[in-house]
PDB file of N, CA and C in Angstrom:
ATOM      1  N   MET A   1      -7.177  17.085  10.548  1.00  0.00           N
ATOM      2  CA  MET A   1      -6.741  18.442  10.293  1.00  0.00           C
ATOM      3  C   MET A   1      -6.556  18.613   8.788  1.00  0.00           C
ATOM      4  N   ALA A   2      -6.827  19.782   8.337  1.00  0.00           N
ATOM      5  CA  ALA A   2      -6.659  20.069   6.915  1.00  0.00           C
ATOM      6  C   ALA A   2      -5.183  20.201   6.581  1.00  0.00           C
ATOM      7  N   ARG A   3      -4.855  19.861   5.353  1.00  0.00           N
ATOM      8  CA  ARG A   3      -3.466  19.870   4.914  1.00  0.00           C
ATOM      9  C   ARG A   3      -2.857  21.267   4.974  1.00  0.00           C
ATOM     10  N   GLU A   4      -3.652  22.294   4.704  1.00  0.00           N
ATOM     11  CA  GLU A   4      -3.115  23.652   4.618  1.00  0.00           C
ATOM     12  C   GLU A   4      -3.026  24.365   5.970  1.00  0.00           C
ATOM     13  N   GLU A   5      -3.474  23.714   7.043  1.00  0.00           N
ATOM     14  CA  GLU A   5      -3.429  24.363   8.358  1.00  0.00           C
ATOM     15  C   GLU A   5      -1.991  24.524   8.827  1.00  0.00           C
ATOM     16  N   LYS A   6      -1.732  25.662   9.467  1.00  0.00           N
ATOM     17  CA  LYS A   6      -0.386  26.000   9.920  1.00  0.00           C
ATOM     18  C   LYS A   6      -0.201  25.810  11.419  1.00  0.00           C
ATOM     19  N   GLN A   7      -1.325  25.583  12.126  1.00  0.00           N
ATOM     20  CA  GLN A   7      -1.261  25.524  13.578  1.00  0.00           C
ATOM     21  C   GLN A   7      -2.261  24.505  14.103  1.00  0.00           C
ATOM     22  N   CYS A   8      -1.904  23.775  15.161  1.00  0.00           N
ATOM     23  CA  CYS A   8      -2.787  22.801  15.787  1.00  0.00           C
ATOM     24  C   CYS A   8      -3.934  23.521  16.490  1.00  0.00           C
ATOM     25  N   ARG A   9      -5.149  23.035  16.256  1.00  0.00           N
ATOM     26  CA  ARG A   9      -6.333  23.664  16.863  1.00  0.00           C
ATOM     27  C   ARG A   9      -6.392  23.441  18.371  1.00  0.00           C
ATOM     28  N   GLN A  10      -5.837  22.337  18.844  1.00  0.00           N
ATOM     29  CA  GLN A  10      -5.954  22.006  20.271  1.00  0.00           C
ATOM     30  C   GLN A  10      -4.840  22.584  21.119  1.00  0.00           C
ATOM     31  N   CYS A  11      -3.590  22.438  20.658  1.00  0.00           N
ATOM     32  CA  CYS A  11      -2.475  22.887  21.503  1.00  0.00           C
ATOM     33  C   CYS A  11      -1.837  24.185  21.015  1.00  0.00           C
ATOM     34  N   GLY A  12      -2.148  24.611  19.779  1.00  0.00           N
ATOM     35  CA  GLY A  12      -1.598  25.858  19.262  1.00  0.00           C
ATOM     36  C   GLY A  12      -0.203  25.734  18.679  1.00  0.00           C
ATOM     37  N   ARG A  13       0.342  24.531  18.648  1.00  0.00           N
ATOM     38  CA  ARG A  13       1.687  24.334  18.120  1.00  0.00           C
ATOM     39  C   ARG A  13       1.718  24.633  16.622  1.00  0.00           C
ATOM     40  N   ILE A  14       2.758  25.332  16.185  1.00  0.00           N
ATOM     41  CA  ILE A  14       2.906  25.703  14.777  1.00  0.00           C
ATOM     42  C   ILE A  14       3.620  24.572  14.043  1.00  0.00           C
ATOM     43  N   PHE A  15       3.048  24.187  12.910  1.00  0.00           N
ATOM     44  CA  PHE A  15       3.651  23.129  12.103  1.00  0.00           C
ATOM     45  C   PHE A  15       4.758  23.727  11.242  1.00  0.00           C
ATOM     46  N   SER A  16       5.970  23.240  11.422  1.00  0.00           N
ATOM     47  CA  SER A  16       7.082  23.752  10.628  1.00  0.00           C
ATOM     48  C   SER A  16       7.607  22.715   9.648  1.00  0.00           C
ATOM     49  N   SER A  17       7.310  21.437   9.904  1.00  0.00           N
ATOM     50  CA  SER A  17       7.790  20.401   9.001  1.00  0.00           C
ATOM     51  C   SER A  17       6.890  19.172   9.102  1.00  0.00           C
ATOM     52  N   VAL A  18       7.097  18.252   8.185  1.00  0.00           N
ATOM     53  CA  VAL A  18       6.346  17.005   8.143  1.00  0.00           C
ATOM     54  C   VAL A  18       7.335  15.866   8.362  1.00  0.00           C
ATOM     55  N   ARG A  19       6.908  14.843   9.126  1.00  0.00           N
ATOM     56  CA  ARG A  19       7.766  13.685   9.366  1.00  0.00           C
ATOM     57  C   ARG A  19       7.079  12.455   8.821  1.00  0.00           C
ATOM     58  N   CYS A  20       7.805  11.688   8.012  1.00  0.00           N
ATOM     59  CA  CYS A  20       7.285  10.448   7.448  1.00  0.00           C
ATOM     60  C   CYS A  20       7.163   9.401   8.554  1.00  0.00           C
ATOM     61  N   PRO A  21       6.002   8.755   8.689  1.00  0.00           N
ATOM     62  CA  PRO A  21       5.851   7.754   9.746  1.00  0.00           C
ATOM     63  C   PRO A  21       6.622   6.462   9.469  1.00  0.00           C
ATOM     64  N   ARG A  22       7.004   6.223   8.231  1.00  0.00           N
ATOM     65  CA  ARG A  22       7.726   4.998   7.906  1.00  0.00           C
ATOM     66  C   ARG A  22       9.235   5.155   8.100  1.00  0.00           C
ATOM     67  N   CYS A  23       9.855   6.153   7.457  1.00  0.00           N
ATOM     68  CA  CYS A  23      11.322   6.279   7.524  1.00  0.00           C
ATOM     69  C   CYS A  23      11.777   7.442   8.403  1.00  0.00           C
ATOM     70  N   GLU A  24      10.824   8.245   8.899  1.00  0.00           N
ATOM     71  CA  GLU A  24      11.069   9.372   9.790  1.00  0.00           C
ATOM     72  C   GLU A  24      11.851  10.508   9.139  1.00  0.00           C
ATOM     73  N   TYR A  25      11.835  10.574   7.810  1.00  0.00           N
ATOM     74  CA  TYR A  25      12.420  11.710   7.100  1.00  0.00           C
ATOM     75  C   TYR A  25      11.593  12.948   7.418  1.00  0.00           C
ATOM     76  N   THR A  26      12.260  14.076   7.682  1.00  0.00           N
ATOM     77  CA  THR A  26      11.577  15.311   8.025  1.00  0.00           C
ATOM     78  C   THR A  26      11.964  16.392   7.025  1.00  0.00           C
ATOM     79  N   ALA A  27      10.949  17.109   6.525  1.00  0.00           N
ATOM     80  CA  ALA A  27      11.196  18.204   5.583  1.00  0.00           C
ATOM     81  C   ALA A  27       9.974  19.117   5.547  1.00  0.00           C
ATOM     82  N   ARG A  28      10.080  20.176   4.736  1.00  0.00           N
ATOM     83  CA  ARG A  28       8.950  21.088   4.550  1.00  0.00           C
ATOM     84  C   ARG A  28       7.788  20.341   3.893  1.00  0.00           C
ATOM     85  N   PRO A  29       6.555  20.764   4.144  1.00  0.00           N
ATOM     86  CA  PRO A  29       5.382  20.077   3.571  1.00  0.00           C
ATOM     87  C   PRO A  29       5.388  19.997   2.048  1.00  0.00           C
ATOM     88  N   ASP A  30       5.944  21.005   1.370  1.00  0.00           N
ATOM     89  CA  ASP A  30       5.938  20.981  -0.092  1.00  0.00           C
ATOM     90  C   ASP A  30       6.796  19.851  -0.665  1.00  0.00           C
ATOM     91  N   LYS A  31       7.698  19.295   0.119  1.00  0.00           N
ATOM     92  CA  LYS A  31       8.511  18.153  -0.326  1.00  0.00           C
ATOM     93  C   LYS A  31       7.701  16.858  -0.342  1.00  0.00           C
ATOM     94  N   PHE A  32       6.561  16.840   0.352  1.00  0.00           N
ATOM     95  CA  PHE A  32       5.753  15.629   0.490  1.00  0.00           C
ATOM     96  C   PHE A  32       4.513  15.619  -0.409  1.00  0.00           C
ATOM     97  N   LYS A  33       4.476  16.475  -1.430  1.00  0.00           N
ATOM     98  CA  LYS A  33       3.294  16.547  -2.299  1.00  0.00           C
ATOM     99  C   LYS A  33       3.020  15.233  -3.014  1.00  0.00           C
ATOM    100  N   GLN A  34       4.062  14.494  -3.360  1.00  0.00           N
ATOM    101  CA  GLN A  34       3.912  13.199  -4.030  1.00  0.00           C
ATOM    102  C   GLN A  34       4.256  12.049  -3.082  1.00  0.00           C
ATOM    103  N   GLY A  35       4.074  12.246  -1.789  1.00  0.00           N
ATOM    104  CA  GLY A  35       4.450  11.239  -0.801  1.00  0.00           C
ATOM    105  C   GLY A  35       5.854  11.515  -0.301  1.00  0.00           C
ATOM    106  N   CYS A  36       6.376  10.625   0.505  1.00  0.00           N
ATOM    107  CA  CYS A  36       7.711  10.800   1.063  1.00  0.00           C
ATOM    108  C   CYS A  36       8.754  10.699  -0.053  1.00  0.00           C
ATOM    109  N   PRO A  37       9.644  11.699  -0.162  1.00  0.00           N
ATOM    110  CA  PRO A  37      10.651  11.646  -1.221  1.00  0.00           C
ATOM    111  C   PRO A  37      11.739  10.599  -0.989  1.00  0.00           C
ATOM    112  N   VAL A  38      11.826  10.066   0.229  1.00  0.00           N
ATOM    113  CA  VAL A  38      12.849   9.068   0.532  1.00  0.00           C
ATOM    114  C   VAL A  38      12.338   7.647   0.323  1.00  0.00           C
ATOM    115  N   CYS A  39      11.216   7.312   0.965  1.00  0.00           N
ATOM    116  CA  CYS A  39      10.738   5.923   0.901  1.00  0.00           C
ATOM    117  C   CYS A  39       9.475   5.748   0.064  1.00  0.00           C
ATOM    118  N   GLY A  40       8.837   6.855  -0.363  1.00  0.00           N
ATOM    119  CA  GLY A  40       7.647   6.754  -1.196  1.00  0.00           C
ATOM    120  C   GLY A  40       6.361   6.511  -0.435  1.00  0.00           C
ATOM    121  N   TYR A  41       6.374   6.631   0.876  1.00  0.00           N
ATOM    122  CA  TYR A  41       5.180   6.387   1.676  1.00  0.00           C
ATOM    123  C   TYR A  41       4.024   7.263   1.207  1.00  0.00           C
ATOM    124  N   SER A  42       2.859   6.682   1.072  1.00  0.00           N
ATOM    125  CA  SER A  42       1.608   7.302   0.634  1.00  0.00           C
ATOM    126  C   SER A  42       1.645   7.796  -0.800  1.00  0.00           C
ATOM    127  N   ASN A  43       2.490   7.189  -1.626  1.00  0.00           N
ATOM    128  CA  ASN A  43       2.532   7.500  -3.052  1.00  0.00           C
ATOM    129  C   ASN A  43       2.384   6.192  -3.816  1.00  0.00           C
ATOM    130  N   PRO A  44       1.175   5.869  -4.310  1.00  0.00           N
ATOM    131  CA  PRO A  44       0.964   4.578  -4.964  1.00  0.00           C
ATOM    132  C   PRO A  44       1.690   4.415  -6.288  1.00  0.00           C
ATOM    133  N   ILE A  45       1.988   5.508  -6.981  1.00  0.00           N
ATOM    134  CA  ILE A  45       2.673   5.398  -8.271  1.00  0.00           C
ATOM    135  C   ILE A  45       3.848   6.360  -8.290  1.00  0.00           C
ATOM    136  N   LYS A  46       5.017   5.823  -8.627  1.00  0.00           N
ATOM    137  CA  LYS A  46       6.199   6.649  -8.762  1.00  0.00           C
ATOM    138  C   LYS A  46       6.530   6.766 -10.244  1.00  0.00           C
ATOM    139  N   PRO A  47       6.484   7.962 -10.791  1.00  0.00           N
ATOM    140  CA  PRO A  47       6.811   8.084 -12.206  1.00  0.00           C
ATOM    141  C   PRO A  47       8.309   7.975 -12.449  1.00  0.00           C
ATOM    142  N   ASP A  48       8.666   7.277 -13.498  1.00  0.00           N
ATOM    143  CA  ASP A  48      10.046   7.229 -13.954  1.00  0.00           C
ATOM    144  C   ASP A  48      10.115   8.210 -15.119  1.00  0.00           C
ATOM    145  N   VAL A  49      10.448   9.455 -14.814  1.00  0.00           N
ATOM    146  CA  VAL A  49      10.331  10.540 -15.777  1.00  0.00           C
ATOM    147  C   VAL A  49      11.240  10.337 -16.984  1.00  0.00           C
ATOM    148  N   LYS A  50      12.441   9.831 -16.775  1.00  0.00           N
ATOM    149  CA  LYS A  50      13.378   9.678 -17.882  1.00  0.00           C
ATOM    150  C   LYS A  50      12.888   8.670 -18.920  1.00  0.00           C
ATOM    151  N   LYS A  51      12.293   7.582 -18.474  1.00  0.00           N
ATOM    152  CA  LYS A  51      11.850   6.535 -19.383  1.00  0.00           C
ATOM    153  C   LYS A  51      10.390   6.681 -19.771  1.00  0.00           C
ATOM    154  N   GLY A  52       9.650   7.514 -19.062  1.00  0.00           N
ATOM    155  CA  GLY A  52       8.235   7.674 -19.344  1.00  0.00           C
ATOM    156  C   GLY A  52       7.395   6.530 -18.795  1.00  0.00           C
ATOM    157  N   ASN A  53       7.968   5.729 -17.910  1.00  0.00           N
ATOM    158  CA  ASN A  53       7.249   4.600 -17.313  1.00  0.00           C
ATOM    159  C   ASN A  53       6.685   5.001 -15.962  1.00  0.00           C
ATOM    160  N   PHE A  54       5.705   4.254 -15.527  1.00  0.00           N
ATOM    161  CA  PHE A  54       5.174   4.438 -14.192  1.00  0.00           C
ATOM    162  C   PHE A  54       5.301   3.123 -13.456  1.00  0.00           C
ATOM    163  N   LYS A  55       5.825   3.188 -12.242  1.00  0.00           N
ATOM    164  CA  LYS A  55       6.033   1.983 -11.453  1.00  0.00           C
ATOM    165  C   LYS A  55       5.224   2.069 -10.176  1.00  0.00           C
ATOM    166  N   LYS A  56       4.705   0.922  -9.724  1.00  0.00           N
ATOM    167  CA  LYS A  56       4.057   0.871  -8.427  1.00  0.00           C
ATOM    168  C   LYS A  56       5.125   0.941  -7.356  1.00  0.00           C
ATOM    169  N   SER A  57       4.807   1.644  -6.300  1.00  0.00           N
ATOM    170  CA  SER A  57       5.736   1.720  -5.192  1.00  0.00           C
ATOM    171  C   SER A  57       5.884   0.341  -4.566  1.00  0.00           C
ATOM    172  N   LYS A  58       7.086  -0.025  -4.175  1.00  0.00           N
ATOM    173  CA  LYS A  58       7.346  -1.350  -3.624  1.00  0.00           C
ATOM    174  C   LYS A  58       6.772  -1.529  -2.224  1.00  0.00           C
ATOM    175  N   ASN A  59       6.541  -0.443  -1.522  1.00  0.00           N
ATOM    176  CA  ASN A  59       6.142  -0.567  -0.130  1.00  0.00           C
ATOM    177  C   ASN A  59       4.645  -0.409   0.098  1.00  0.00           C
ATOM    178  N   ILE A  60       3.865  -0.442  -0.954  1.00  0.00           N
ATOM    179  CA  ILE A  60       2.418  -0.343  -0.792  1.00  0.00           C
ATOM    180  C   ILE A  60       1.779  -1.614  -1.297  1.00  0.00           C
ATOM    181  N   GLU A  61       0.956  -2.216  -0.469  1.00  0.00           N
ATOM    182  CA  GLU A  61       0.284  -3.446  -0.851  1.00  0.00           C
ATOM    183  C   GLU A  61      -1.116  -3.125  -1.318  1.00  0.00           C
ATOM    184  N   TYR A  62      -1.525  -3.745  -2.398  1.00  0.00           N
ATOM    185  CA  TYR A  62      -2.820  -3.464  -2.986  1.00  0.00           C
ATOM    186  C   TYR A  62      -3.851  -4.533  -2.683  1.00  0.00           C
ATOM    187  N   GLY A  63      -3.545  -5.494  -1.831  1.00  0.00           N
ATOM    188  CA  GLY A  63      -4.508  -6.508  -1.461  1.00  0.00           C
ATOM    189  C   GLY A  63      -4.606  -7.647  -2.444  1.00  0.00           C
ATOM    190  N   SER A  64      -3.634  -7.775  -3.341  1.00  0.00           N
ATOM    191  CA  SER A  64      -3.682  -8.884  -4.276  1.00  0.00           C
ATOM    192  C   SER A  64      -3.360 -10.181  -3.539  1.00  0.00           C
ATOM    193  N   VAL A  65      -3.945 -11.250  -4.015  1.00  0.00           N
ATOM    194  CA  VAL A  65      -3.785 -12.542  -3.368  1.00  0.00           C
ATOM    195  C   VAL A  65      -2.571 -13.250  -3.975  1.00  0.00           C
ATOM    196  N   PRO A  66      -1.670 -13.773  -3.140  1.00  0.00           N
ATOM    197  CA  PRO A  66      -0.510 -14.486  -3.655  1.00  0.00           C
ATOM    198  C   PRO A  66      -0.932 -15.756  -4.405  1.00  0.00           C
ATOM    199  N   PRO A  67      -0.152 -16.179  -5.395  1.00  0.00           N
ATOM    200  CA  PRO A  67      -0.504 -17.359  -6.196  1.00  0.00           C
ATOM    201  C   PRO A  67      -0.693 -18.634  -5.371  1.00  0.00           C
ATOM    202  N   TRP A  68       0.073 -18.803  -4.300  1.00  0.00           N
ATOM    203  CA  TRP A  68      -0.045 -20.035  -3.519  1.00  0.00           C
ATOM    204  C   TRP A  68      -1.431 -20.168  -2.887  1.00  0.00           C
ATOM    205  N   VAL A  69      -2.092 -19.047  -2.616  1.00  0.00           N
ATOM    206  CA  VAL A  69      -3.440 -19.106  -2.050  1.00  0.00           C
ATOM    207  C   VAL A  69      -4.408 -19.671  -3.087  1.00  0.00           C
ATOM    208  N   TRP A  70      -4.270 -19.227  -4.340  1.00  0.00           N
ATOM    209  CA  TRP A  70      -5.135 -19.736  -5.409  1.00  0.00           C
ATOM    210  C   TRP A  70      -4.907 -21.227  -5.637  1.00  0.00           C
ATOM    211  N   VAL A  71      -3.646 -21.651  -5.641  1.00  0.00           N
ATOM    212  CA  VAL A  71      -3.337 -23.069  -5.837  1.00  0.00           C
ATOM    213  C   VAL A  71      -3.921 -23.896  -4.706  1.00  0.00           C
ATOM    214  N   SER A  72      -3.753 -23.417  -3.471  1.00  0.00           N
ATOM    215  CA  SER A  72      -4.309 -24.142  -2.320  1.00  0.00           C
ATOM    216  C   SER A  72      -5.827 -24.239  -2.408  1.00  0.00           C
ATOM    217  N   ALA A  73      -6.471 -23.146  -2.802  1.00  0.00           N
ATOM    218  CA  ALA A  73      -7.929 -23.162  -2.913  1.00  0.00           C
ATOM    219  C   ALA A  73      -8.387 -24.140  -3.990  1.00  0.00           C
ATOM    220  N   LEU A  74      -7.691 -24.185  -5.111  1.00  0.00           N
ATOM    221  CA  LEU A  74      -8.052 -25.121  -6.183  1.00  0.00           C
ATOM    222  C   LEU A  74      -7.854 -26.574  -5.756  1.00  0.00           C
ATOM    223  N   VAL A  75      -6.767 -26.844  -5.033  1.00  0.00           N
ATOM    224  CA  VAL A  75      -6.514 -28.205  -4.551  1.00  0.00           C
ATOM    225  C   VAL A  75      -7.608 -28.614  -3.561  1.00  0.00           C
ATOM    226  N   LEU A  76      -7.962 -27.732  -2.638  1.00  0.00           N
ATOM    227  CA  LEU A  76      -9.025 -28.050  -1.676  1.00  0.00           C
ATOM    228  C   LEU A  76     -10.372 -28.239  -2.379  1.00  0.00           C
ATOM    229  N   LEU A  77     -10.640 -27.441  -3.375  1.00  0.00           N
ATOM    230  CA  LEU A  77     -11.878 -27.598  -4.141  1.00  0.00           C
ATOM    231  C   LEU A  77     -11.902 -28.934  -4.874  1.00  0.00           C
ATOM    232  N   ALA A  78     -10.770 -29.310  -5.470  1.00  0.00           N
ATOM    233  CA  ALA A  78     -10.698 -30.596  -6.174  1.00  0.00           C
ATOM    234  C   ALA A  78     -10.885 -31.758  -5.204  1.00  0.00           C
ATOM    235  N   LEU A  79     -10.285 -31.681  -4.020  1.00  0.00           N
ATOM    236  CA  LEU A  79     -10.441 -32.735  -3.022  1.00  0.00           C
ATOM    237  C   LEU A  79     -11.886 -32.831  -2.541  1.00  0.00           C
ATOM    238  N   ALA A  80     -12.516 -31.684  -2.317  1.00  0.00           N
ATOM    239  CA  ALA A  80     -13.911 -31.691  -1.876  1.00  0.00           C
ATOM    240  C   ALA A  80     -14.819 -32.252  -2.964  1.00  0.00           C
ATOM    241  N   LEU A  81     -14.558 -31.904  -4.212  1.00  0.00           N
ATOM    242  CA  LEU A  81     -15.343 -32.423  -5.320  1.00  0.00           C
ATOM    243  C   LEU A  81     -15.143 -33.928  -5.471  1.00  0.00           C
ATOM    244  N   ALA A  82     -13.919 -34.415  -5.317  1.00  0.00           N
ATOM    245  CA  ALA A  82     -13.630 -35.836  -5.404  1.00  0.00           C
ATOM    246  C   ALA A  82     -14.348 -36.603  -4.269  1.00  0.00           C
ATOM    247  N   ALA A  83     -14.318 -36.035  -3.072  1.00  0.00           N
ATOM    248  CA  ALA A  83     -14.991 -36.686  -1.948  1.00  0.00           C
ATOM    249  C   ALA A  83     -16.505 -36.714  -2.170  1.00  0.00           C
ATOM    250  N   PHE A  84     -17.042 -35.632  -2.688  1.00  0.00           N
ATOM    251  CA  PHE A  84     -18.476 -35.558  -2.954  1.00  0.00           C
ATOM    252  C   PHE A  84     -18.887 -36.582  -4.016  1.00  0.00           C
ATOM    253  N   LEU A  85     -18.128 -36.636  -5.090  1.00  0.00           N
ATOM    254  CA  LEU A  85     -18.425 -37.598  -6.154  1.00  0.00           C
ATOM    255  C   LEU A  85     -18.219 -39.043  -5.671  1.00  0.00           C
ATOM    256  N   GLY A  86     -17.264 -39.238  -4.795  1.00  0.00           N
ATOM    257  CA  GLY A  86     -17.027 -40.584  -4.239  1.00  0.00           C
ATOM    258  C   GLY A  86     -18.199 -41.077  -3.401  1.00  0.00           C
ATOM    259  N   THR A  87     -18.828 -40.171  -2.674  1.00  0.00           N
ATOM    260  CA  THR A  87     -19.989 -40.580  -1.857  1.00  0.00           C
ATOM    261  C   THR A  87     -21.216 -40.819  -2.727  1.00  0.00           C
ATOM    262  N   ILE A  88     -21.362 -40.064  -3.789  1.00  0.00           N
ATOM    263  CA  ILE A  88     -22.526 -40.230  -4.666  1.00  0.00           C
ATOM    264  C   ILE A  88     -22.386 -41.494  -5.512  1.00  0.00           C
ATOM    265  N   LEU A  89     -21.219 -41.693  -6.099  1.00  0.00           N
ATOM    266  CA  LEU A  89     -21.015 -42.820  -7.002  1.00  0.00           C
ATOM    267  C   LEU A  89     -20.620 -44.086  -6.264  1.00  0.00           C
ATOM    268  N   GLY A  90     -20.149 -43.936  -5.061  1.00  0.00           N
ATOM    269  CA  GLY A  90     -19.560 -44.979  -4.268  1.00  0.00           C
ATOM    270  C   GLY A  90     -20.335 -46.133  -3.906  1.00  0.00           C
TER     271      GLY A  90
END
Protein backbone atom coordinates (compact mmCIF):
# COMPACT_ATOMS: atom_id res chain seq x y z
CA MET A 1 0.00 0.00 0.00
CA ALA A 2 1.18 3.49 -0.68
CA ARG A 3 2.22 5.63 2.25
CA GLU A 4 -0.30 8.38 1.47
CA GLU A 5 -3.34 6.08 1.28
CA LYS A 6 -6.05 6.81 3.83
CA GLN A 7 -8.11 3.65 3.44
CA CYS A 8 -7.48 -0.09 2.97
CA ARG A 9 -8.29 -1.22 -0.57
CA GLN A 10 -9.54 -4.64 0.56
CA CYS A 11 -11.55 -4.05 3.72
CA GLY A 12 -12.23 -0.29 3.51
CA ARG A 13 -10.87 0.40 6.98
CA ILE A 14 -9.70 4.00 7.47
CA PHE A 15 -6.15 4.44 8.70
CA SER A 16 -6.10 6.79 11.66
CA SER A 17 -2.72 5.98 13.17
CA VAL A 18 0.49 4.02 12.71
CA ARG A 19 1.77 1.36 15.13
CA CYS A 20 5.45 0.52 15.45
CA PRO A 21 5.98 -3.24 15.06
CA ARG A 22 8.91 -3.22 17.49
CA CYS A 23 7.72 -1.18 20.51
CA GLU A 24 4.01 -0.87 19.57
CA TYR A 25 4.02 2.92 19.95
CA THR A 26 0.97 4.37 18.18
CA ALA A 27 0.68 7.89 16.77
CA ARG A 28 -0.30 9.91 13.71
CA PRO A 29 1.64 9.03 10.51
CA ASP A 30 3.45 12.39 10.47
CA LYS A 31 5.22 11.40 13.73
CA PHE A 32 6.85 8.46 11.90
CA LYS A 33 8.51 10.41 9.05
CA GLN A 34 11.98 9.65 10.47
CA GLY A 35 11.04 6.20 11.82
CA CYS A 36 9.56 5.43 15.22
CA PRO A 37 10.09 8.38 17.58
CA VAL A 38 10.36 6.03 20.57
CA CYS A 39 12.65 3.18 19.50
CA GLY A 40 13.99 4.42 16.14
CA TYR A 41 12.64 1.48 14.14
CA SER A 42 13.26 1.89 10.38
CA ASN A 43 15.53 4.90 10.89
CA PRO A 44 19.16 3.97 10.08
CA ILE A 45 20.61 7.32 11.19
CA LYS A 46 19.52 9.40 14.15
CA PRO A 47 20.80 12.95 14.03
CA ASP A 48 22.12 14.49 17.21
CA VAL A 49 21.00 18.02 16.37
CA LYS A 50 22.60 19.76 19.35
CA LYS A 51 26.09 18.41 18.67
CA GLY A 52 25.81 18.17 14.90
CA ASN A 53 26.73 14.47 15.02
CA PHE A 54 25.00 11.59 13.36
CA LYS A 55 24.70 8.26 15.12
CA LYS A 56 23.69 4.86 13.81
CA SER A 57 20.60 3.53 15.44
CA LYS A 58 21.43 0.84 18.00
CA ASN A 59 18.64 -1.47 16.92
CA ILE A 60 19.52 -1.82 13.25
CA GLU A 61 22.07 -4.35 12.11
CA TYR A 62 24.04 -3.63 8.98
CA GLY A 63 25.39 -7.14 8.38
CA SER A 64 28.88 -6.44 9.62
CA VAL A 65 30.85 -9.49 10.66
CA PRO A 66 31.92 -9.69 14.32
CA PRO A 67 35.70 -9.72 14.94
CA TRP A 68 35.67 -13.25 16.38
CA VAL A 69 34.52 -14.59 13.00
CA TRP A 70 37.54 -13.03 11.29
CA VAL A 71 39.91 -14.41 13.93
CA SER A 72 38.39 -17.88 13.61
CA ALA A 73 38.66 -17.76 9.83
CA LEU A 74 42.32 -16.72 10.00
CA VAL A 75 43.13 -19.48 12.50
CA LEU A 76 41.42 -22.10 10.31
CA LEU A 77 43.24 -20.78 7.25
CA ALA A 78 46.58 -20.95 9.07
CA LEU A 79 45.87 -24.53 10.20
CA ALA A 80 44.88 -25.58 6.69
CA LEU A 81 47.99 -23.96 5.25
CA ALA A 82 50.20 -25.66 7.86
CA ALA A 83 48.61 -29.04 7.10
CA PHE A 84 49.05 -28.50 3.37
CA LEU A 85 52.69 -27.51 3.74
CA GLY A 86 53.26 -30.45 6.10
CA THR A 87 52.06 -32.93 3.48
CA ILE A 88 54.15 -31.35 0.72
CA LEU A 89 57.36 -30.96 2.71
CA GLY A 90 56.77 -33.93 4.96
